[in-house]
PDB file of N, CA and C in Angstrom:
ATOM      1  N   MET A   1      24.648 -12.662 -46.064  1.00  0.00           N
ATOM      2  CA  MET A   1      23.155 -13.635 -46.160  1.00  0.00           C
ATOM      3  C   MET A   1      23.838 -13.206 -44.299  1.00  0.00           C
ATOM      4  N   SER A   2      22.579 -13.429 -43.551  1.00  0.00           N
ATOM      5  CA  SER A   2      22.662 -13.097 -42.210  1.00  0.00           C
ATOM      6  C   SER A   2      21.473 -14.502 -41.729  1.00  0.00           C
ATOM      7  N   ILE A   3      21.561 -15.129 -40.581  1.00  0.00           N
ATOM      8  CA  ILE A   3      20.871 -16.139 -40.015  1.00  0.00           C
ATOM      9  C   ILE A   3      20.020 -15.351 -38.941  1.00  0.00           C
ATOM     10  N   VAL A   4      18.905 -15.143 -38.910  1.00  0.00           N
ATOM     11  CA  VAL A   4      17.979 -14.802 -37.490  1.00  0.00           C
ATOM     12  C   VAL A   4      17.402 -15.995 -36.598  1.00  0.00           C
ATOM     13  N   PHE A   5      17.189 -16.056 -35.434  1.00  0.00           N
ATOM     14  CA  PHE A   5      17.181 -17.157 -34.562  1.00  0.00           C
ATOM     15  C   PHE A   5      15.747 -16.474 -33.528  1.00  0.00           C
ATOM     16  N   LYS A   6      14.402 -17.323 -34.546  1.00  0.00           N
ATOM     17  CA  LYS A   6      13.959 -16.419 -33.596  1.00  0.00           C
ATOM     18  C   LYS A   6      12.984 -18.278 -32.679  1.00  0.00           C
ATOM     19  N   PRO A   7      12.863 -17.677 -31.490  1.00  0.00           N
ATOM     20  CA  PRO A   7      12.283 -19.027 -30.758  1.00  0.00           C
ATOM     21  C   PRO A   7      11.639 -19.290 -30.772  1.00  0.00           C
ATOM     22  N   LYS A   8      11.061 -20.831 -30.857  1.00  0.00           N
ATOM     23  CA  LYS A   8       9.285 -21.170 -30.472  1.00  0.00           C
ATOM     24  C   LYS A   8       9.170 -21.193 -29.465  1.00  0.00           C
ATOM     25  N   ILE A   9       8.148 -20.781 -28.879  1.00  0.00           N
ATOM     26  CA  ILE A   9       7.659 -21.487 -27.385  1.00  0.00           C
ATOM     27  C   ILE A   9       6.503 -21.085 -27.378  1.00  0.00           C
ATOM     28  N   GLY A  10       5.914 -22.835 -26.594  1.00  0.00           N
ATOM     29  CA  GLY A  10       4.806 -23.231 -27.067  1.00  0.00           C
ATOM     30  C   GLY A  10       3.474 -22.107 -25.970  1.00  0.00           C
ATOM     31  N   GLU A  11       2.570 -22.287 -26.218  1.00  0.00           N
ATOM     32  CA  GLU A  11       2.316 -21.688 -25.140  1.00  0.00           C
ATOM     33  C   GLU A  11       1.927 -22.499 -23.516  1.00  0.00           C
ATOM     34  N   HIS A  12       2.621 -23.566 -23.157  1.00  0.00           N
ATOM     35  CA  HIS A  12       2.610 -24.560 -23.042  1.00  0.00           C
ATOM     36  C   HIS A  12       3.628 -23.280 -21.412  1.00  0.00           C
ATOM     37  N   LEU A  13       3.890 -22.638 -21.949  1.00  0.00           N
ATOM     38  CA  LEU A  13       5.547 -22.293 -21.320  1.00  0.00           C
ATOM     39  C   LEU A  13       5.491 -20.186 -21.418  1.00  0.00           C
ATOM     40  N   ARG A  14       4.358 -19.945 -21.570  1.00  0.00           N
ATOM     41  CA  ARG A  14       4.111 -18.220 -21.822  1.00  0.00           C
ATOM     42  C   ARG A  14       3.659 -18.030 -20.618  1.00  0.00           C
ATOM     43  N   LYS A  15       3.728 -17.132 -19.959  1.00  0.00           N
ATOM     44  CA  LYS A  15       3.447 -16.448 -18.649  1.00  0.00           C
ATOM     45  C   LYS A  15       2.423 -15.988 -18.836  1.00  0.00           C
ATOM     46  N   SER A  16       1.368 -16.347 -17.823  1.00  0.00           N
ATOM     47  CA  SER A  16      -0.099 -16.269 -18.274  1.00  0.00           C
ATOM     48  C   SER A  16      -0.374 -14.447 -17.920  1.00  0.00           C
ATOM     49  N   PRO A  17      -0.797 -13.605 -18.151  1.00  0.00           N
ATOM     50  CA  PRO A  17      -1.120 -12.779 -18.190  1.00  0.00           C
ATOM     51  C   PRO A  17      -1.114 -12.242 -16.495  1.00  0.00           C
ATOM     52  N   ARG A  18      -1.801 -13.177 -15.391  1.00  0.00           N
ATOM     53  CA  ARG A  18      -2.050 -13.179 -13.947  1.00  0.00           C
ATOM     54  C   ARG A  18      -0.997 -12.840 -13.484  1.00  0.00           C
ATOM     55  N   SER A  19       0.328 -13.838 -13.862  1.00  0.00           N
ATOM     56  CA  SER A  19       1.519 -14.046 -13.540  1.00  0.00           C
ATOM     57  C   SER A  19       2.460 -13.304 -13.834  1.00  0.00           C
ATOM     58  N   ARG A  20       2.444 -11.937 -15.247  1.00  0.00           N
ATOM     59  CA  ARG A  20       3.095 -11.052 -15.397  1.00  0.00           C
ATOM     60  C   ARG A  20       3.315 -10.153 -14.718  1.00  0.00           C
ATOM     61  N   SER A  21       4.396  -8.986 -14.431  1.00  0.00           N
ATOM     62  CA  SER A  21       4.861  -8.044 -13.643  1.00  0.00           C
ATOM     63  C   SER A  21       4.176  -7.116 -14.192  1.00  0.00           C
ATOM     64  N   ASP A  22       4.717  -6.812 -15.071  1.00  0.00           N
ATOM     65  CA  ASP A  22       4.696  -5.390 -15.940  1.00  0.00           C
ATOM     66  C   ASP A  22       3.296  -5.040 -16.623  1.00  0.00           C
ATOM     67  N   GLY A  23       2.197  -6.211 -16.075  1.00  0.00           N
ATOM     68  CA  GLY A  23       0.978  -5.669 -16.866  1.00  0.00           C
ATOM     69  C   GLY A  23       0.145  -5.493 -15.516  1.00  0.00           C
ATOM     70  N   TYR A  24       0.200  -4.581 -14.618  1.00  0.00           N
ATOM     71  CA  TYR A  24      -0.131  -4.005 -14.043  1.00  0.00           C
ATOM     72  C   TYR A  24      -0.853  -2.830 -14.261  1.00  0.00           C
ATOM     73  N   SER A  25      -1.830  -2.169 -14.563  1.00  0.00           N
ATOM     74  CA  SER A  25      -2.577  -0.970 -14.598  1.00  0.00           C
ATOM     75  C   SER A  25      -1.583   0.031 -13.402  1.00  0.00           C
ATOM     76  N   VAL A  26      -2.439   1.384 -13.473  1.00  0.00           N
ATOM     77  CA  VAL A  26      -1.818   2.412 -12.350  1.00  0.00           C
ATOM     78  C   VAL A  26      -3.311   2.140 -10.927  1.00  0.00           C
ATOM     79  N   LYS A  27      -4.109   2.039 -11.562  1.00  0.00           N
ATOM     80  CA  LYS A  27      -4.674   1.179 -10.330  1.00  0.00           C
ATOM     81  C   LYS A  27      -4.813   0.254  -9.378  1.00  0.00           C
ATOM     82  N   ASP A  28      -4.378  -0.751 -10.570  1.00  0.00           N
ATOM     83  CA  ASP A  28      -3.490  -2.214  -9.724  1.00  0.00           C
ATOM     84  C   ASP A  28      -2.364  -1.889  -8.447  1.00  0.00           C
ATOM     85  N   ILE A  29      -1.368  -0.497  -8.792  1.00  0.00           N
ATOM     86  CA  ILE A  29      -0.469  -0.394  -8.488  1.00  0.00           C
ATOM     87  C   ILE A  29      -0.937   0.367  -7.388  1.00  0.00           C
ATOM     88  N   GLN A  30      -1.578   1.170  -7.043  1.00  0.00           N
ATOM     89  CA  GLN A  30      -2.066   1.911  -6.058  1.00  0.00           C
ATOM     90  C   GLN A  30      -2.606   0.972  -5.064  1.00  0.00           C
ATOM     91  N   GLU A  31      -3.457   0.101  -5.652  1.00  0.00           N
ATOM     92  CA  GLU A  31      -4.435  -0.466  -4.696  1.00  0.00           C
ATOM     93  C   GLU A  31      -3.494  -1.890  -4.213  1.00  0.00           C
ATOM     94  N   LEU A  32      -2.385  -2.177  -5.291  1.00  0.00           N
ATOM     95  CA  LEU A  32      -1.318  -2.995  -4.221  1.00  0.00           C
ATOM     96  C   LEU A  32      -0.060  -1.750  -3.498  1.00  0.00           C
ATOM     97  N   ILE A  33       0.176  -1.105  -2.884  1.00  0.00           N
ATOM     98  CA  ILE A  33       0.060  -0.475  -2.046  1.00  0.00           C
ATOM     99  C   ILE A  33      -0.884  -0.195  -1.124  1.00  0.00           C
ATOM    100  N   GLN A  34      -1.932   0.142  -1.916  1.00  0.00           N
ATOM    101  CA  GLN A  34      -2.845   0.204  -0.072  1.00  0.00           C
ATOM    102  C   GLN A  34      -3.032  -1.080   0.220  1.00  0.00           C
ATOM    103  N   LEU A  35      -2.298  -2.328  -0.348  1.00  0.00           N
ATOM    104  CA  LEU A  35      -2.776  -3.655   0.620  1.00  0.00           C
ATOM    105  C   LEU A  35      -1.106  -3.641   0.608  1.00  0.00           C
ATOM    106  N   ARG A  36      -0.535  -3.532   0.787  1.00  0.00           N
ATOM    107  CA  ARG A  36       0.754  -3.921   1.411  1.00  0.00           C
ATOM    108  C   ARG A  36       0.464  -2.863   3.105  1.00  0.00           C
ATOM    109  N   VAL A  37       0.326  -1.443   2.672  1.00  0.00           N
ATOM    110  CA  VAL A  37       0.508  -0.729   3.933  1.00  0.00           C
ATOM    111  C   VAL A  37      -0.756  -1.596   5.343  1.00  0.00           C
ATOM    112  N   LYS A  38      -1.950  -1.978   4.609  1.00  0.00           N
ATOM    113  CA  LYS A  38      -2.197  -2.538   5.603  1.00  0.00           C
ATOM    114  C   LYS A  38      -1.910  -3.036   6.210  1.00  0.00           C
ATOM    115  N   GLY A  39      -1.114  -4.083   5.634  1.00  0.00           N
ATOM    116  CA  GLY A  39      -0.598  -5.503   6.527  1.00  0.00           C
ATOM    117  C   GLY A  39       0.319  -6.718   5.617  1.00  0.00           C
ATOM    118  N   LEU A  40      -1.105  -6.726   4.096  1.00  0.00           N
ATOM    119  CA  LEU A  40      -1.745  -8.197   3.675  1.00  0.00           C
ATOM    120  C   LEU A  40      -0.220  -8.917   2.878  1.00  0.00           C
ATOM    121  N   THR A  41       0.011  -9.913   2.515  1.00  0.00           N
ATOM    122  CA  THR A  41       1.579 -10.923   2.314  1.00  0.00           C
ATOM    123  C   THR A  41       0.967 -10.779   0.747  1.00  0.00           C
ATOM    124  N   HIS A  42       2.245 -10.956   0.124  1.00  0.00           N
ATOM    125  CA  HIS A  42       2.351 -11.601  -0.618  1.00  0.00           C
ATOM    126  C   HIS A  42       0.776 -11.786  -1.338  1.00  0.00           C
ATOM    127  N   LYS A  43       0.698 -13.492  -1.007  1.00  0.00           N
ATOM    128  CA  LYS A  43      -0.125 -14.359  -1.634  1.00  0.00           C
ATOM    129  C   LYS A  43      -1.255 -13.371  -0.590  1.00  0.00           C
ATOM    130  N   GLN A  44      -1.919 -12.209  -0.261  1.00  0.00           N
ATOM    131  CA  GLN A  44      -3.289 -12.256   0.080  1.00  0.00           C
ATOM    132  C   GLN A  44      -3.362 -11.411  -0.486  1.00  0.00           C
ATOM    133  N   CYS A  45      -2.246 -10.409  -1.096  1.00  0.00           N
ATOM    134  CA  CYS A  45      -2.442  -9.128  -1.990  1.00  0.00           C
ATOM    135  C   CYS A  45      -2.860  -9.666  -3.278  1.00  0.00           C
ATOM    136  N   GLY A  46      -1.906 -10.805  -3.637  1.00  0.00           N
ATOM    137  CA  GLY A  46      -2.235 -11.998  -5.313  1.00  0.00           C
ATOM    138  C   GLY A  46      -3.744 -12.275  -5.170  1.00  0.00           C
ATOM    139  N   ASP A  47      -3.882 -12.587  -4.666  1.00  0.00           N
ATOM    140  CA  ASP A  47      -5.846 -13.098  -4.216  1.00  0.00           C
ATOM    141  C   ASP A  47      -5.941 -11.995  -4.049  1.00  0.00           C
ATOM    142  N   LYS A  48      -6.443 -10.843  -3.332  1.00  0.00           N
ATOM    143  CA  LYS A  48      -7.284  -9.701  -3.538  1.00  0.00           C
ATOM    144  C   LYS A  48      -7.021  -8.898  -5.031  1.00  0.00           C
ATOM    145  N   LEU A  49      -5.862  -9.079  -5.826  1.00  0.00           N
ATOM    146  CA  LEU A  49      -5.528  -9.125  -7.027  1.00  0.00           C
ATOM    147  C   LEU A  49      -5.504  -9.536  -8.114  1.00  0.00           C
ATOM    148  N   ASP A  50      -6.068 -11.099  -7.674  1.00  0.00           N
ATOM    149  CA  ASP A  50      -6.531 -12.174  -8.770  1.00  0.00           C
ATOM    150  C   ASP A  50      -4.573 -12.436  -9.209  1.00  0.00           C
ATOM    151  N   ARG A  51      -3.905 -11.867  -9.236  1.00  0.00           N
ATOM    152  CA  ARG A  51      -2.428 -12.615  -8.996  1.00  0.00           C
ATOM    153  C   ARG A  51      -1.925 -13.608  -8.854  1.00  0.00           C
ATOM    154  N   THR A  52      -0.916 -14.276  -8.922  1.00  0.00           N
ATOM    155  CA  THR A  52      -0.172 -15.414  -8.357  1.00  0.00           C
ATOM    156  C   THR A  52       0.928 -14.674  -7.846  1.00  0.00           C
ATOM    157  N   MET A  53       1.292 -14.761  -6.390  1.00  0.00           N
ATOM    158  CA  MET A  53       2.063 -14.487  -5.492  1.00  0.00           C
ATOM    159  C   MET A  53       3.657 -13.918  -6.004  1.00  0.00           C
ATOM    160  N   GLY A  54       4.318 -14.572  -6.734  1.00  0.00           N
ATOM    161  CA  GLY A  54       5.469 -13.982  -7.030  1.00  0.00           C
ATOM    162  C   GLY A  54       5.269 -13.133  -7.960  1.00  0.00           C
ATOM    163  N   SER A  55       4.426 -12.771  -8.637  1.00  0.00           N
ATOM    164  CA  SER A  55       3.964 -11.854  -9.119  1.00  0.00           C
ATOM    165  C   SER A  55       4.193 -10.735  -8.630  1.00  0.00           C
ATOM    166  N   ILE A  56       3.513 -10.546  -7.407  1.00  0.00           N
ATOM    167  CA  ILE A  56       3.352  -9.957  -6.360  1.00  0.00           C
ATOM    168  C   ILE A  56       5.156  -9.328  -5.734  1.00  0.00           C
ATOM    169  N   GLY A  57       5.682 -10.096  -6.117  1.00  0.00           N
ATOM    170  CA  GLY A  57       6.907  -9.775  -5.203  1.00  0.00           C
ATOM    171  C   GLY A  57       7.697  -9.294  -6.271  1.00  0.00           C
ATOM    172  N   THR A  58       7.719  -9.665  -7.554  1.00  0.00           N
ATOM    173  CA  THR A  58       8.702  -9.391  -8.693  1.00  0.00           C
ATOM    174  C   THR A  58       7.861  -7.616  -9.000  1.00  0.00           C
ATOM    175  N   ALA A  59       6.459  -7.499  -9.144  1.00  0.00           N
ATOM    176  CA  ALA A  59       5.908  -6.591  -9.165  1.00  0.00           C
ATOM    177  C   ALA A  59       6.159  -5.517  -8.123  1.00  0.00           C
ATOM    178  N   LEU A  60       6.636  -5.969  -6.635  1.00  0.00           N
ATOM    179  CA  LEU A  60       7.403  -4.136  -6.589  1.00  0.00           C
ATOM    180  C   LEU A  60       8.583  -4.094  -6.022  1.00  0.00           C
ATOM    181  N   ARG A  61       9.204  -5.308  -6.982  1.00  0.00           N
ATOM    182  CA  ARG A  61      10.782  -4.701  -7.133  1.00  0.00           C
ATOM    183  C   ARG A  61      10.984  -3.819  -8.398  1.00  0.00           C
ATOM    184  N   HIS A  62       9.979  -4.903  -9.517  1.00  0.00           N
ATOM    185  CA  HIS A  62       9.801  -3.513 -11.035  1.00  0.00           C
ATOM    186  C   HIS A  62       9.894  -2.412 -10.852  1.00  0.00           C
ATOM    187  N   TYR A  63       8.524  -2.327 -10.514  1.00  0.00           N
ATOM    188  CA  TYR A  63       7.850  -0.471 -10.476  1.00  0.00           C
ATOM    189  C   TYR A  63       8.370   0.212  -8.995  1.00  0.00           C
ATOM    190  N   LYS A  64       9.299  -0.270  -8.475  1.00  0.00           N
ATOM    191  CA  LYS A  64      10.077  -0.072  -6.895  1.00  0.00           C
ATOM    192  C   LYS A  64       9.394   0.980  -6.513  1.00  0.00           C
ATOM    193  N   LEU A  65       8.518  -0.043  -5.722  1.00  0.00           N
ATOM    194  CA  LEU A  65       7.122   0.257  -5.034  1.00  0.00           C
ATOM    195  C   LEU A  65       7.102   0.012  -2.973  1.00  0.00           C
ATOM    196  N   GLN A  66       8.617  -0.035  -2.672  1.00  0.00           N
ATOM    197  CA  GLN A  66       9.034  -0.374  -1.441  1.00  0.00           C
ATOM    198  C   GLN A  66       8.845   1.605  -0.466  1.00  0.00           C
ATOM    199  N   PRO A  67       9.136   2.342  -1.517  1.00  0.00           N
ATOM    200  CA  PRO A  67       9.605   3.945  -1.177  1.00  0.00           C
ATOM    201  C   PRO A  67       8.180   4.413  -0.340  1.00  0.00           C
ATOM    202  N   ALA A  68       7.263   3.769  -1.658  1.00  0.00           N
ATOM    203  CA  ALA A  68       5.706   4.759  -1.980  1.00  0.00           C
ATOM    204  C   ALA A  68       5.109   3.658  -0.656  1.00  0.00           C
ATOM    205  N   ILE A  69       5.148   2.604  -0.714  1.00  0.00           N
ATOM    206  CA  ILE A  69       4.637   2.288   0.203  1.00  0.00           C
ATOM    207  C   ILE A  69       5.420   1.928   2.646  1.00  0.00           C
ATOM    208  N   ASP A  70       6.655   2.730   2.254  1.00  0.00           N
ATOM    209  CA  ASP A  70       6.916   3.142   3.560  1.00  0.00           C
ATOM    210  C   ASP A  70       6.047   4.342   4.243  1.00  0.00           C
ATOM    211  N   LYS A  71       6.742   5.173   2.900  1.00  0.00           N
ATOM    212  CA  LYS A  71       5.842   7.054   2.703  1.00  0.00           C
ATOM    213  C   LYS A  71       4.024   6.881   3.506  1.00  0.00           C
ATOM    214  N   ALA A  72       3.548   5.531   2.154  1.00  0.00           N
ATOM    215  CA  ALA A  72       2.090   5.669   3.305  1.00  0.00           C
ATOM    216  C   ALA A  72       1.885   4.688   4.328  1.00  0.00           C
ATOM    217  N   ARG A  73       2.916   4.180   5.043  1.00  0.00           N
ATOM    218  CA  ARG A  73       2.601   3.589   6.099  1.00  0.00           C
ATOM    219  C   ARG A  73       3.448   4.747   7.220  1.00  0.00           C
ATOM    220  N   ALA A  74       3.705   6.123   6.191  1.00  0.00           N
ATOM    221  CA  ALA A  74       4.672   6.552   7.970  1.00  0.00           C
ATOM    222  C   ALA A  74       3.518   7.573   7.741  1.00  0.00           C
ATOM    223  N   ALA A  75       2.761   8.218   6.456  1.00  0.00           N
ATOM    224  CA  ALA A  75       1.626   9.454   6.833  1.00  0.00           C
ATOM    225  C   ALA A  75       0.274   8.358   7.518  1.00  0.00           C
ATOM    226  N   LEU A  76       0.188   6.663   7.457  1.00  0.00           N
ATOM    227  CA  LEU A  76      -0.759   6.682   7.973  1.00  0.00           C
ATOM    228  C   LEU A  76      -0.499   6.555   9.546  1.00  0.00           C
ATOM    229  N   PHE A  77       0.872   5.976   9.716  1.00  0.00           N
ATOM    230  CA  PHE A  77       1.132   6.698  11.656  1.00  0.00           C
ATOM    231  C   PHE A  77       1.015   7.997  11.773  1.00  0.00           C
ATOM    232  N   GLU A  78       0.980   8.929  11.235  1.00  0.00           N
ATOM    233  CA  GLU A  78       1.239  10.155  11.197  1.00  0.00           C
ATOM    234  C   GLU A  78      -0.376  10.972  11.833  1.00  0.00           C
ATOM    235  N   ALA A  79      -0.942  10.278  10.210  1.00  0.00           N
ATOM    236  CA  ALA A  79      -2.342  10.429  11.005  1.00  0.00           C
ATOM    237  C   ALA A  79      -3.000   9.910  12.043  1.00  0.00           C
ATOM    238  N   LYS A  80      -2.453   8.750  13.142  1.00  0.00           N
ATOM    239  CA  LYS A  80      -2.968   8.086  13.843  1.00  0.00           C
ATOM    240  C   LYS A  80      -2.209   8.721  15.058  1.00  0.00           C
ATOM    241  N   THR A  81      -1.307   9.611  15.060  1.00  0.00           N
ATOM    242  CA  THR A  81      -0.865  10.331  16.388  1.00  0.00           C
ATOM    243  C   THR A  81      -1.686  11.170  16.820  1.00  0.00           C
ATOM    244  N   SER A  82      -1.930  10.914  17.718  1.00  0.00           N
ATOM    245  CA  SER A  82      -2.558  11.803  18.633  1.00  0.00           C
ATOM    246  C   SER A  82      -2.315  13.236  18.719  1.00  0.00           C
ATOM    247  N   PRO A  83      -3.297  14.614  17.917  1.00  0.00           N
ATOM    248  CA  PRO A  83      -2.529  15.594  18.206  1.00  0.00           C
ATOM    249  C   PRO A  83      -2.429  16.656  19.225  1.00  0.00           C
ATOM    250  N   CYS A  84      -2.859  15.944  20.858  1.00  0.00           N
ATOM    251  CA  CYS A  84      -2.525  16.561  22.046  1.00  0.00           C
ATOM    252  C   CYS A  84      -0.963  17.325  22.082  1.00  0.00           C
ATOM    253  N   VAL A  85      -0.759  18.000  22.517  1.00  0.00           N
ATOM    254  CA  VAL A  85       0.636  19.020  22.818  1.00  0.00           C
ATOM    255  C   VAL A  85       1.363  18.713  23.751  1.00  0.00           C
ATOM    256  N   GLY A  86       0.394  18.299  25.398  1.00  0.00           N
ATOM    257  CA  GLY A  86       0.801  18.192  25.986  1.00  0.00           C
ATOM    258  C   GLY A  86       0.015  19.755  27.593  1.00  0.00           C
ATOM    259  N   VAL A  87      -0.943  20.185  26.911  1.00  0.00           N
ATOM    260  CA  VAL A  87      -0.961  21.142  27.615  1.00  0.00           C
ATOM    261  C   VAL A  87      -2.713  21.137  28.090  1.00  0.00           C
ATOM    262  N   CYS A  88      -3.381  20.390  28.360  1.00  0.00           N
ATOM    263  CA  CYS A  88      -4.611  19.720  28.373  1.00  0.00           C
ATOM    264  C   CYS A  88      -5.385  20.336  29.191  1.00  0.00           C
ATOM    265  N   LYS A  89      -5.599  21.667  29.625  1.00  0.00           N
ATOM    266  CA  LYS A  89      -6.638  22.271  30.056  1.00  0.00           C
ATOM    267  C   LYS A  89      -7.998  23.058  29.208  1.00  0.00           C
ATOM    268  N   LEU A  90      -8.629  22.251  30.152  1.00  0.00           N
ATOM    269  CA  LEU A  90     -10.656  22.381  29.194  1.00  0.00           C
ATOM    270  C   LEU A  90     -11.066  24.034  29.296  1.00  0.00           C
ATOM    271  N   ASN A  91     -11.365  24.962  28.511  1.00  0.00           N
ATOM    272  CA  ASN A  91     -11.929  25.889  28.594  1.00  0.00           C
ATOM    273  C   ASN A  91     -13.831  25.866  29.289  1.00  0.00           C
ATOM    274  N   GLU A  92     -14.617  26.844  28.740  1.00  0.00           N
ATOM    275  CA  GLU A  92     -15.675  26.904  29.429  1.00  0.00           C
ATOM    276  C   GLU A  92     -16.414  25.632  28.573  1.00  0.00           C
ATOM    277  N   ALA A  93     -16.499  25.932  27.203  1.00  0.00           N
ATOM    278  CA  ALA A  93     -16.960  24.873  26.574  1.00  0.00           C
ATOM    279  C   ALA A  93     -16.540  23.645  26.410  1.00  0.00           C
ATOM    280  N   LEU A  94     -16.065  23.114  27.088  1.00  0.00           N
ATOM    281  CA  LEU A  94     -15.391  22.097  27.516  1.00  0.00           C
ATOM    282  C   LEU A  94     -13.966  21.620  26.154  1.00  0.00           C
ATOM    283  N   VAL A  95     -13.679  22.854  25.455  1.00  0.00           N
ATOM    284  CA  VAL A  95     -12.733  22.617  24.550  1.00  0.00           C
ATOM    285  C   VAL A  95     -11.441  22.236  24.592  1.00  0.00           C
ATOM    286  N   CYS A  96     -10.242  21.735  24.390  1.00  0.00           N
ATOM    287  CA  CYS A  96      -9.258  21.698  24.914  1.00  0.00           C
ATOM    288  C   CYS A  96      -7.874  22.655  24.465  1.00  0.00           C
ATOM    289  N   THR A  97      -7.430  23.251  24.953  1.00  0.00           N
ATOM    290  CA  THR A  97      -6.707  24.669  24.737  1.00  0.00           C
ATOM    291  C   THR A  97      -5.271  24.740  24.361  1.00  0.00           C
ATOM    292  N   GLY A  98      -4.824  23.390  24.146  1.00  0.00           N
ATOM    293  CA  GLY A  98      -3.604  22.813  23.762  1.00  0.00           C
ATOM    294  C   GLY A  98      -3.939  22.632  22.481  1.00  0.00           C
ATOM    295  N   CYS A  99      -4.725  21.365  21.806  1.00  0.00           N
ATOM    296  CA  CYS A  99      -5.201  20.453  20.934  1.00  0.00           C
ATOM    297  C   CYS A  99      -6.176  21.147  20.623  1.00  0.00           C
ATOM    298  N   GLY A 100      -7.009  21.927  20.711  1.00  0.00           N
ATOM    299  CA  GLY A 100      -8.633  22.288  20.276  1.00  0.00           C
ATOM    300  C   GLY A 100      -9.425  21.270  19.658  1.00  0.00           C
ATOM    301  N   ARG A 101      -9.424  19.565  20.509  1.00  0.00           N
ATOM    302  CA  ARG A 101     -10.494  18.448  20.995  1.00  0.00           C
ATOM    303  C   ARG A 101     -10.967  19.091  21.931  1.00  0.00           C
ATOM    304  N   THR A 102     -12.470  18.745  21.561  1.00  0.00           N
ATOM    305  CA  THR A 102     -13.967  18.912  22.206  1.00  0.00           C
ATOM    306  C   THR A 102     -13.473  17.611  23.226  1.00  0.00           C
ATOM    307  N   LEU A 103     -14.287  17.725  24.715  1.00  0.00           N
ATOM    308  CA  LEU A 103     -13.956  16.106  26.215  1.00  0.00           C
ATOM    309  C   LEU A 103     -14.173  14.905  25.300  1.00  0.00           C
ATOM    310  N   ASP A 104     -15.460  15.092  24.535  1.00  0.00           N
ATOM    311  CA  ASP A 104     -16.009  13.688  23.532  1.00  0.00           C
ATOM    312  C   ASP A 104     -14.386  13.229  22.819  1.00  0.00           C
ATOM    313  N   GLU A 105     -14.186  13.975  21.877  1.00  0.00           N
ATOM    314  CA  GLU A 105     -13.166  13.588  20.701  1.00  0.00           C
ATOM    315  C   GLU A 105     -11.889  13.313  21.780  1.00  0.00           C
ATOM    316  N   ILE A 106     -11.591  14.052  22.991  1.00  0.00           N
ATOM    317  CA  ILE A 106     -10.441  13.505  23.581  1.00  0.00           C
ATOM    318  C   ILE A 106     -10.851  11.602  23.947  1.00  0.00           C
ATOM    319  N   ALA A 107     -11.851  11.676  24.464  1.00  0.00           N
ATOM    320  CA  ALA A 107     -12.413  10.367  25.592  1.00  0.00           C
ATOM    321  C   ALA A 107     -12.405   9.038  24.818  1.00  0.00           C
ATOM    322  N   ASN A 108     -12.656  10.046  23.464  1.00  0.00           N
ATOM    323  CA  ASN A 108     -12.775   8.583  21.808  1.00  0.00           C
ATOM    324  C   ASN A 108     -11.793   8.386  20.998  1.00  0.00           C
ATOM    325  N   TRP A 109     -10.776   8.731  21.234  1.00  0.00           N
ATOM    326  CA  TRP A 109      -9.487   8.729  20.402  1.00  0.00           C
ATOM    327  C   TRP A 109      -9.269   7.553  20.183  1.00  0.00           C
ATOM    328  N   THR A 110      -8.847   7.204  18.827  1.00  0.00           N
ATOM    329  CA  THR A 110      -7.716   5.851  19.252  1.00  0.00           C
ATOM    330  C   THR A 110      -6.449   5.631  18.503  1.00  0.00           C
TER     331      THR A 110
END
């Protein structure tokens, strides 16, 4: 005969659903990645996702999200990089022959 030890944990010691790192949906994970890409802190992400701050850091490690965040940041940087190729010459229609942007697009590039 073997004895099975079953610990009894009171409800006051159980983690609330807000603080668990394994309870994130795919949508929550995608939103967390986007929030971190935008530069929000763990606390700000927790506030947006209605999670505790420690849960955010744990989720980042648990789901190994840092590479996805880095990739999304790189893609965002690439998207903001100017399409200018250094051949700045406008044709008769006021379109750059190098990058294909109009004069207005060039002037308003951010």
